[in-house]
Protein backbone atom coordinates (compact mmCIF):
# COMPACT_ATOMS: atom_id res chain seq x y z
CA MET A 1 -2.51 24.74 14.36
CA HIS A 2 -1.54 21.36 15.72
CA PHE A 3 1.41 19.39 14.17
CA ILE A 4 2.28 15.64 14.28
CA ASP A 5 4.77 13.07 13.08
CA LEU A 6 3.56 10.23 11.01
CA GLU A 7 5.01 7.05 10.13
CA TRP A 8 4.49 5.63 6.66
CA LYS A 9 5.39 1.91 5.87
CA VAL A 10 4.99 0.24 2.38
CA VAL A 11 4.93 -3.86 2.39
CA TYR A 12 4.99 -6.31 -0.09
CA VAL A 13 3.24 -9.35 0.79
CA GLY A 14 5.65 -12.24 -0.63
CA ASP A 15 3.35 -15.30 0.95
CA ALA A 16 -0.35 -14.40 1.94
CA GLU A 17 0.12 -17.42 4.69
CA ASN A 18 3.42 -16.37 6.08
CA PRO A 19 3.96 -12.84 7.22
CA THR A 20 7.70 -13.54 7.61
CA GLN A 21 7.89 -13.54 3.90
CA ASP A 22 6.62 -9.78 3.87
CA GLN A 23 9.14 -7.34 2.78
CA VAL A 24 9.13 -3.73 3.84
CA LEU A 25 10.04 -1.59 0.73
CA GLU A 26 10.02 1.74 2.54
CA GLU A 27 9.70 3.16 5.96
CA VAL A 28 9.67 6.95 6.57
CA MET A 29 8.94 9.47 9.27
CA VAL A 30 7.21 12.43 7.82
CA GLY A 31 6.61 15.51 10.20
CA PRO A 32 5.83 17.83 11.50
CA VAL A 33 2.71 17.90 9.47
CA ALA A 34 -0.44 19.78 9.82
CA VAL A 35 -3.47 18.04 11.22
CA GLY A 36 -5.66 17.88 8.36
CA ILE A 37 -5.81 16.80 5.06
CA ASN A 38 -2.63 16.36 3.48
CA ARG A 39 -1.03 14.81 0.39
CA PHE A 40 1.79 12.54 0.39
CA VAL A 41 3.76 10.68 -2.61
CA LEU A 42 5.62 7.43 -1.75
CA GLN A 43 8.26 6.01 -3.84
CA ALA A 44 9.21 2.42 -2.75
CA SER A 45 12.34 0.28 -3.79
CA SER A 46 11.11 -2.88 -5.48
CA PRO A 47 10.58 -6.53 -3.65
CA ASN A 48 13.66 -8.54 -3.82
CA PRO A 49 12.45 -11.62 -5.89
CA LEU A 50 15.42 -13.68 -4.55
CA ILE A 51 13.60 -14.02 -0.98
CA ILE A 52 10.17 -14.88 -2.69
CA ARG A 53 9.49 -18.67 -2.84
CA ASN A 54 9.42 -19.42 -6.64
CA GLU A 55 5.78 -20.78 -6.44
CA ASP A 56 4.72 -17.15 -5.03
CA LEU A 57 6.43 -15.18 -7.91
CA ILE A 58 3.51 -15.44 -10.15
CA GLY A 59 -0.21 -14.65 -9.29
CA VAL A 60 -1.94 -12.19 -7.17
CA THR A 61 -0.51 -10.60 -3.92
CA VAL A 62 -0.97 -7.26 -2.15
CA VAL A 63 1.07 -4.03 -1.48
CA LEU A 64 0.12 -2.57 1.92
CA ILE A 65 0.55 1.14 2.77
CA THR A 66 0.34 2.04 6.35
CA CYS A 67 0.25 5.00 8.31
CA SER A 68 0.96 5.27 12.35
CA TYR A 69 0.92 8.15 14.79
CA LEU A 70 2.64 7.59 18.12
CA ASP A 71 3.02 3.59 16.99
CA ASN A 72 -0.76 3.35 16.48
CA ARG A 73 -1.76 2.46 12.85
CA PHE A 74 -4.79 4.38 11.87
CA VAL A 75 -4.99 3.54 8.14
CA GLN A 76 -3.95 0.98 6.05
CA ILE A 77 -4.29 1.07 1.80
CA GLY A 78 -4.15 -2.11 0.18
CA TYR A 79 -3.34 -2.55 -3.69
CA TYR A 80 -4.06 -5.70 -5.53
CA VAL A 81 -0.56 -6.66 -7.67
CA ASN A 82 -0.90 -9.29 -10.62
CA ASN A 83 2.27 -10.68 -11.34
CA GLU A 84 2.03 -12.33 -14.79
CA TYR A 85 4.37 -14.27 -16.75
CA ALA A 86 5.39 -13.28 -20.27
CA GLU A 87 4.97 -16.91 -21.59
CA PRO A 88 2.17 -18.97 -21.25
CA PHE A 89 2.43 -22.06 -19.08
CA GLU A 90 0.10 -25.03 -17.92
CA PRO A 91 -0.31 -24.74 -13.99
CA GLU A 92 1.36 -28.35 -13.88
CA ASN A 93 4.12 -27.10 -15.59
CA TYR A 94 4.69 -23.87 -13.55
CA PRO A 95 8.49 -22.44 -14.56
CA LYS A 96 11.37 -23.75 -12.35
CA PRO A 97 12.80 -21.36 -11.55
CA VAL A 98 10.64 -18.36 -12.61
CA ASP A 99 12.78 -16.19 -14.84
CA ILE A 100 12.19 -12.49 -13.34
CA ASN A 101 13.05 -11.08 -16.85
CA LYS A 102 9.82 -12.59 -18.13
CA LEU A 103 7.65 -11.20 -15.14
CA PHE A 104 5.25 -8.26 -15.47
CA ARG A 105 3.52 -6.41 -12.67
CA ASN A 106 0.09 -5.06 -12.98
CA LEU A 107 -0.76 -2.82 -9.94
CA LEU A 108 -4.63 -2.56 -9.43
CA ALA A 109 -4.35 1.29 -8.70
CA ASP A 110 -7.54 2.34 -9.48
CA GLN A 111 -9.33 0.60 -6.68
CA PRO A 112 -7.45 0.74 -3.49
CA ARG A 113 -8.90 -1.08 -0.18
CA VAL A 114 -8.86 1.30 2.54
CA THR A 115 -9.10 0.41 6.25
CA ARG A 116 -9.31 2.84 8.97
CA TYR A 117 -8.65 2.33 12.73
CA PRO A 118 -9.55 4.29 15.46
CA ILE A 119 -6.96 5.49 17.75
CA ASP A 120 -6.28 7.82 20.54
CA TRP A 121 -4.46 10.70 19.16
CA SER A 122 -3.64 12.35 22.47
CA GLY A 123 -2.01 9.21 23.98
CA ASN A 124 -4.34 9.80 27.21
CA GLY A 125 -7.99 9.66 25.62
CA GLY A 126 -8.27 13.36 25.52
CA LEU A 127 -8.85 13.76 21.73
CA PRO A 128 -11.18 12.25 19.26
CA THR A 129 -10.36 8.91 17.48
CA SER A 130 -8.96 9.00 13.97
CA SER A 131 -12.45 8.07 12.71
CA GLU A 132 -14.18 11.12 14.29
CA VAL A 133 -11.29 13.52 13.01
CA PHE A 134 -11.23 11.73 9.61
CA ASP A 135 -15.10 11.57 9.18
CA SER A 136 -15.38 15.55 10.20
CA GLN A 137 -12.73 16.65 8.02
CA THR A 138 -13.25 14.65 4.93
CA GLU A 139 -16.91 14.00 4.54
CA ALA A 140 -17.75 17.45 3.51
CA GLN A 141 -15.08 17.58 1.01
CA PHE A 142 -14.99 13.85 -0.21
CA GLY A 143 -18.44 12.44 0.85
CA ALA A 144 -18.95 9.83 3.52
CA VAL A 145 -16.03 6.89 3.45
CA ASP A 146 -17.08 3.55 5.13
CA GLN A 147 -14.62 1.99 7.72
CA HIS A 148 -13.60 -0.65 5.14
CA ASP A 149 -14.09 1.15 1.77
CA VAL A 150 -13.06 0.06 -1.85
CA VAL A 151 -12.29 3.58 -3.19
CA SER A 152 -12.99 4.35 -6.82
CA ASP A 153 -13.99 8.11 -6.39
CA SER A 154 -11.06 10.13 -7.94
CA ASP A 155 -11.28 12.78 -5.70
CA TYR A 156 -10.32 10.58 -2.65
CA ASP A 157 -6.86 10.41 -4.86
CA ALA A 158 -6.08 13.87 -2.69
CA LEU A 159 -6.10 12.06 0.66
CA LEU A 160 -3.38 9.42 0.06
CA VAL A 161 -1.01 9.13 -3.17
CA PHE A 162 1.18 6.03 -3.83
CA SER A 163 3.67 5.86 -6.56
CA PHE A 164 4.92 2.19 -6.97
CA LEU A 165 7.59 3.21 -9.64
CA SER A 166 10.68 1.10 -9.45
CA LEU A 167 10.07 -2.50 -9.92
CA GLY A 168 13.48 -3.98 -10.07
CA ASP A 169 15.58 -5.04 -12.97
CA GLY A 170 13.56 -6.69 -15.69
CA TYR A 171 10.24 -6.49 -13.52
CA ASP A 172 8.48 -3.75 -15.45
CA THR A 173 4.57 -2.97 -15.43
CA ARG A 174 3.00 -3.89 -18.60
CA ASP A 175 2.80 -0.30 -19.79
CA GLY A 176 6.58 0.12 -19.78
CA ARG A 177 6.69 2.52 -16.59
CA ARG A 178 9.58 2.10 -14.16
């Protein structure tokens, strides 16, 4: 059996047009892990609302989970996040400043956007790409998954599990979980 080390990263996109506003919420090396189908639970800290521009605190953004092997990203899972305000407001009367105690996050966890990237698993071109390994090991168990797939099949949850529990002071999900 072959074992590898994987690097997981959880990133909160603070501004879709400016990657310098992205916040790395968690970065962890996991391993050695057996090559094959594995299950991981990631728990990340909340994003710091003080470094997010006021106008980007409310609305839709993305949380990205990436996994890399030898500094080569081979999978990225994106979740849409809707940051809602507890009080109604007109777009021309955007709250200034936004009261973070009135923000609620709705993570759309039921339809992650999964993107796989082919990489050289050997570092010298000798092993199959991640797509070939992924397809041969998962197609029989989970069915075929396209290169850019919106996943809704509950069986696919066994591949990657993401738990975005801590949302910060006064920044809870609408259903009250932390």
